[in-house]
């Protein structure tokens, strides 16, 4: 099988990467909502661990402490900005 395929969805061509192709082939059987929820949980946990590892590495590299992080981000607004156009 080729390393990438094209699919048509609503007249938009999307090129799939090898991981996407592998997952589609692996999960090509019928699944119930319980199995889908379990797979979503597994993938969510996997990416959560990856992100936390990257954040920890960043903090270590920058030698942040809780206090230095708070100082560095003191003026950063984390809330979503309101859309000025309404």
N, C-alpha and C. Protein backbone atom coordinates (compact mmCIF):
# COMPACT_ATOMS: atom_id res chain seq x y z
N UNK A 1 0.85 -1.17 0.00
CA UNK A 1 0.00 0.00 0.00
C UNK A 1 0.89 1.24 0.00
N UNK A 2 0.47 2.28 -0.70
CA UNK A 2 1.28 3.49 -0.77
C UNK A 2 1.30 4.19 0.57
N UNK A 3 2.27 5.10 0.76
CA UNK A 3 2.41 5.77 2.04
C UNK A 3 1.42 6.90 2.22
N UNK A 4 0.73 7.29 1.18
CA UNK A 4 -0.28 8.35 1.30
C UNK A 4 -1.38 8.10 0.27
N UNK A 5 -2.60 8.42 0.67
CA UNK A 5 -3.74 8.27 -0.21
C UNK A 5 -4.51 9.58 -0.22
N UNK A 6 -5.30 9.77 -1.24
CA UNK A 6 -6.19 10.93 -1.30
C UNK A 6 -7.61 10.48 -1.08
N UNK A 7 -8.36 11.24 -0.32
CA UNK A 7 -9.78 10.96 -0.15
C UNK A 7 -10.55 12.20 -0.55
N UNK A 8 -11.78 12.00 -0.97
CA UNK A 8 -12.66 13.11 -1.33
C UNK A 8 -13.71 13.25 -0.24
N UNK A 9 -13.85 14.43 0.31
CA UNK A 9 -14.87 14.72 1.29
C UNK A 9 -15.39 16.11 1.02
N UNK A 10 -16.66 16.19 0.67
CA UNK A 10 -17.27 17.47 0.35
C UNK A 10 -16.44 18.24 -0.69
N UNK A 11 -15.99 17.53 -1.71
CA UNK A 11 -15.21 18.10 -2.82
C UNK A 11 -13.86 18.67 -2.40
N UNK A 12 -13.35 18.26 -1.24
CA UNK A 12 -12.04 18.71 -0.78
C UNK A 12 -11.13 17.48 -0.73
N UNK A 13 -10.02 17.52 -1.46
CA UNK A 13 -9.07 16.42 -1.43
C UNK A 13 -8.15 16.58 -0.22
N UNK A 14 -7.98 15.49 0.53
CA UNK A 14 -7.12 15.51 1.71
C UNK A 14 -6.10 14.40 1.57
N UNK A 15 -4.85 14.74 1.74
CA UNK A 15 -3.79 13.74 1.68
C UNK A 15 -3.57 13.18 3.08
N UNK A 16 -3.67 11.86 3.20
CA UNK A 16 -3.49 11.21 4.48
C UNK A 16 -2.03 10.85 4.68
N UNK A 17 -1.55 11.02 5.92
CA UNK A 17 -0.18 10.62 6.23
C UNK A 17 -0.16 9.14 6.60
N UNK A 18 1.01 8.54 6.69
CA UNK A 18 1.09 7.10 6.97
C UNK A 18 0.42 6.68 8.28
N UNK A 19 0.47 7.51 9.31
CA UNK A 19 -0.18 7.17 10.58
C UNK A 19 -1.69 7.12 10.39
N UNK A 20 -2.25 8.09 9.69
CA UNK A 20 -3.68 8.11 9.45
C UNK A 20 -4.12 6.88 8.66
N UNK A 21 -3.36 6.54 7.64
CA UNK A 21 -3.68 5.36 6.82
C UNK A 21 -3.65 4.10 7.69
N UNK A 22 -2.62 3.98 8.51
CA UNK A 22 -2.49 2.81 9.38
C UNK A 22 -3.68 2.71 10.33
N UNK A 23 -4.07 3.83 10.93
CA UNK A 23 -5.21 3.81 11.86
C UNK A 23 -6.50 3.45 11.14
N UNK A 24 -6.70 3.98 9.93
CA UNK A 24 -7.89 3.63 9.17
C UNK A 24 -7.94 2.13 8.86
N UNK A 25 -6.80 1.58 8.47
CA UNK A 25 -6.75 0.15 8.17
C UNK A 25 -6.97 -0.68 9.43
N UNK A 26 -6.37 -0.24 10.53
CA UNK A 26 -6.46 -0.97 11.79
C UNK A 26 -7.88 -0.98 12.35
N UNK A 27 -8.59 0.11 12.16
CA UNK A 27 -9.93 0.24 12.71
C UNK A 27 -11.02 0.18 11.64
N UNK A 28 -10.77 -0.59 10.60
CA UNK A 28 -11.73 -0.66 9.50
C UNK A 28 -12.94 -1.54 9.83
N UNK A 29 -12.91 -2.22 10.97
CA UNK A 29 -14.05 -3.06 11.36
C UNK A 29 -15.12 -2.19 12.02
N UNK A 30 -16.33 -2.72 12.08
CA UNK A 30 -17.41 -2.00 12.76
C UNK A 30 -17.11 -1.92 14.25
N UNK A 31 -17.38 -0.75 14.83
CA UNK A 31 -17.16 -0.55 16.26
C UNK A 31 -18.38 0.11 16.87
N UNK A 32 -18.60 -0.20 18.11
CA UNK A 32 -19.68 0.43 18.84
C UNK A 32 -19.20 1.72 19.50
N UNK A 33 -20.14 2.42 20.09
CA UNK A 33 -19.82 3.70 20.72
C UNK A 33 -18.89 3.51 21.93
N UNK A 34 -18.99 2.37 22.61
CA UNK A 34 -18.12 2.10 23.75
C UNK A 34 -16.67 1.96 23.30
N UNK A 35 -16.45 1.21 22.24
CA UNK A 35 -15.09 1.04 21.70
C UNK A 35 -14.53 2.38 21.22
N UNK A 36 -15.36 3.15 20.55
CA UNK A 36 -14.92 4.46 20.08
C UNK A 36 -14.49 5.34 21.26
N UNK A 37 -15.29 5.36 22.32
CA UNK A 37 -14.96 6.16 23.50
C UNK A 37 -13.66 5.69 24.13
N UNK A 38 -13.44 4.36 24.18
CA UNK A 38 -12.21 3.83 24.76
C UNK A 38 -10.99 4.24 23.93
N UNK A 39 -11.11 4.17 22.62
CA UNK A 39 -10.00 4.56 21.74
C UNK A 39 -9.71 6.05 21.88
N UNK A 40 -10.75 6.87 21.95
CA UNK A 40 -10.55 8.31 22.16
C UNK A 40 -9.82 8.57 23.47
N UNK A 41 -10.21 7.84 24.53
CA UNK A 41 -9.55 8.01 25.83
C UNK A 41 -8.08 7.63 25.76
N UNK A 42 -7.78 6.54 25.07
CA UNK A 42 -6.39 6.08 24.93
C UNK A 42 -5.57 7.13 24.19
N UNK A 43 -6.09 7.65 23.08
CA UNK A 43 -5.37 8.65 22.30
C UNK A 43 -5.22 9.95 23.08
N UNK A 44 -6.25 10.33 23.80
CA UNK A 44 -6.18 11.55 24.61
C UNK A 44 -5.10 11.42 25.68
N UNK A 45 -5.05 10.29 26.36
CA UNK A 45 -4.04 10.06 27.39
C UNK A 45 -2.63 10.06 26.79
N UNK A 46 -2.48 9.45 25.62
CA UNK A 46 -1.18 9.41 24.93
C UNK A 46 -0.68 10.83 24.65
N UNK A 47 -1.54 11.67 24.06
CA UNK A 47 -1.12 13.03 23.72
C UNK A 47 -0.96 13.90 24.97
N UNK A 48 -1.74 13.65 26.00
CA UNK A 48 -1.57 14.38 27.25
C UNK A 48 -0.17 14.12 27.83
N UNK A 49 0.26 12.85 27.83
CA UNK A 49 1.59 12.52 28.34
C UNK A 49 2.68 13.17 27.51
N UNK A 50 2.51 13.17 26.19
CA UNK A 50 3.51 13.80 25.31
C UNK A 50 3.61 15.30 25.58
N UNK A 51 2.47 15.96 25.72
CA UNK A 51 2.47 17.40 25.96
C UNK A 51 3.09 17.72 27.31
N UNK A 52 2.71 16.97 28.35
CA UNK A 52 3.28 17.22 29.67
C UNK A 52 4.79 17.01 29.68
N UNK A 53 5.26 16.02 28.94
CA UNK A 53 6.69 15.78 28.84
C UNK A 53 7.40 16.95 28.16
N UNK A 54 6.80 17.47 27.10
CA UNK A 54 7.39 18.61 26.40
C UNK A 54 7.38 19.86 27.27
N UNK A 55 6.31 20.08 28.01
CA UNK A 55 6.24 21.23 28.91
C UNK A 55 7.28 21.11 30.01
N UNK A 56 7.42 19.91 30.59
CA UNK A 56 8.44 19.70 31.62
C UNK A 56 9.84 19.97 31.08
N UNK A 57 10.13 19.50 29.86
CA UNK A 57 11.44 19.72 29.25
C UNK A 57 11.67 21.21 29.02
N UNK A 58 10.64 21.94 28.59
CA UNK A 58 10.75 23.38 28.39
C UNK A 58 11.06 24.09 29.70
N UNK A 59 10.31 23.74 30.76
CA UNK A 59 10.55 24.35 32.07
C UNK A 59 11.97 24.07 32.54
N UNK A 60 12.44 22.83 32.36
CA UNK A 60 13.80 22.48 32.78
C UNK A 60 14.84 23.27 32.00
N UNK A 61 14.65 23.36 30.69
CA UNK A 61 15.59 24.08 29.84
C UNK A 61 15.66 25.56 30.22
N UNK A 62 14.51 26.15 30.51
CA UNK A 62 14.45 27.57 30.87
C UNK A 62 14.68 27.81 32.36
N UNK A 63 14.80 26.71 33.11
CA UNK A 63 15.01 26.77 34.57
C UNK A 63 13.93 27.60 35.26
N UNK A 64 12.68 27.38 34.83
CA UNK A 64 11.56 28.09 35.44
C UNK A 64 11.26 27.52 36.82
N UNK A 65 10.81 28.40 37.70
CA UNK A 65 10.16 28.02 38.94
C UNK A 65 8.74 28.55 38.84
N UNK A 66 7.91 28.19 39.77
CA UNK A 66 6.54 28.70 39.75
C UNK A 66 6.57 30.23 39.82
N UNK A 67 7.43 30.77 40.65
CA UNK A 67 7.52 32.22 40.80
C UNK A 67 8.03 32.89 39.53
N UNK A 68 9.07 32.34 38.93
CA UNK A 68 9.61 32.97 37.71
C UNK A 68 8.62 32.86 36.55
N UNK A 69 7.88 31.77 36.48
CA UNK A 69 6.85 31.62 35.44
C UNK A 69 5.76 32.67 35.63
N UNK A 70 5.30 32.81 36.87
CA UNK A 70 4.26 33.80 37.16
C UNK A 70 4.73 35.20 36.79
N UNK A 71 5.98 35.51 37.07
CA UNK A 71 6.54 36.82 36.72
C UNK A 71 6.62 36.98 35.20
N UNK A 72 7.07 35.95 34.51
CA UNK A 72 7.25 36.03 33.06
C UNK A 72 5.90 36.15 32.33
N UNK A 73 4.86 35.61 32.92
CA UNK A 73 3.55 35.62 32.25
C UNK A 73 2.56 36.56 32.93
N UNK A 74 3.05 37.41 33.76
CA UNK A 74 2.20 38.32 34.54
C UNK A 74 1.27 39.14 33.67
N UNK A 75 1.74 39.65 32.55
CA UNK A 75 0.94 40.52 31.70
C UNK A 75 0.28 39.80 30.51
N UNK A 76 0.36 38.48 30.50
CA UNK A 76 -0.23 37.70 29.41
C UNK A 76 -1.68 37.38 29.77
N UNK A 77 -2.58 37.70 28.87
CA UNK A 77 -3.99 37.42 29.09
C UNK A 77 -4.32 36.08 28.44
N UNK A 78 -4.70 35.11 29.25
CA UNK A 78 -4.97 33.75 28.77
C UNK A 78 -6.40 33.56 28.30
N UNK A 79 -7.28 34.48 28.64
CA UNK A 79 -8.67 34.33 28.25
C UNK A 79 -8.84 34.66 26.77
N UNK A 80 -9.81 34.03 26.17
CA UNK A 80 -10.13 34.25 24.77
C UNK A 80 -10.61 35.68 24.58
N UNK A 81 -10.06 36.34 23.59
CA UNK A 81 -10.48 37.70 23.29
C UNK A 81 -11.88 37.70 22.67
N UNK A 82 -12.67 38.68 23.00
CA UNK A 82 -13.99 38.83 22.38
C UNK A 82 -13.82 39.20 20.91
N UNK A 83 -14.69 38.69 20.07
CA UNK A 83 -14.67 39.00 18.66
C UNK A 83 -15.19 40.43 18.49
N UNK A 84 -14.33 41.37 18.00
CA UNK A 84 -14.76 42.77 17.90
C UNK A 84 -15.90 42.98 16.91
N UNK A 85 -16.10 42.03 15.99
CA UNK A 85 -17.17 42.18 14.98
C UNK A 85 -18.49 41.62 15.49
N UNK A 86 -18.44 41.05 16.71
CA UNK A 86 -19.69 40.57 17.31
C UNK A 86 -19.98 39.21 16.95
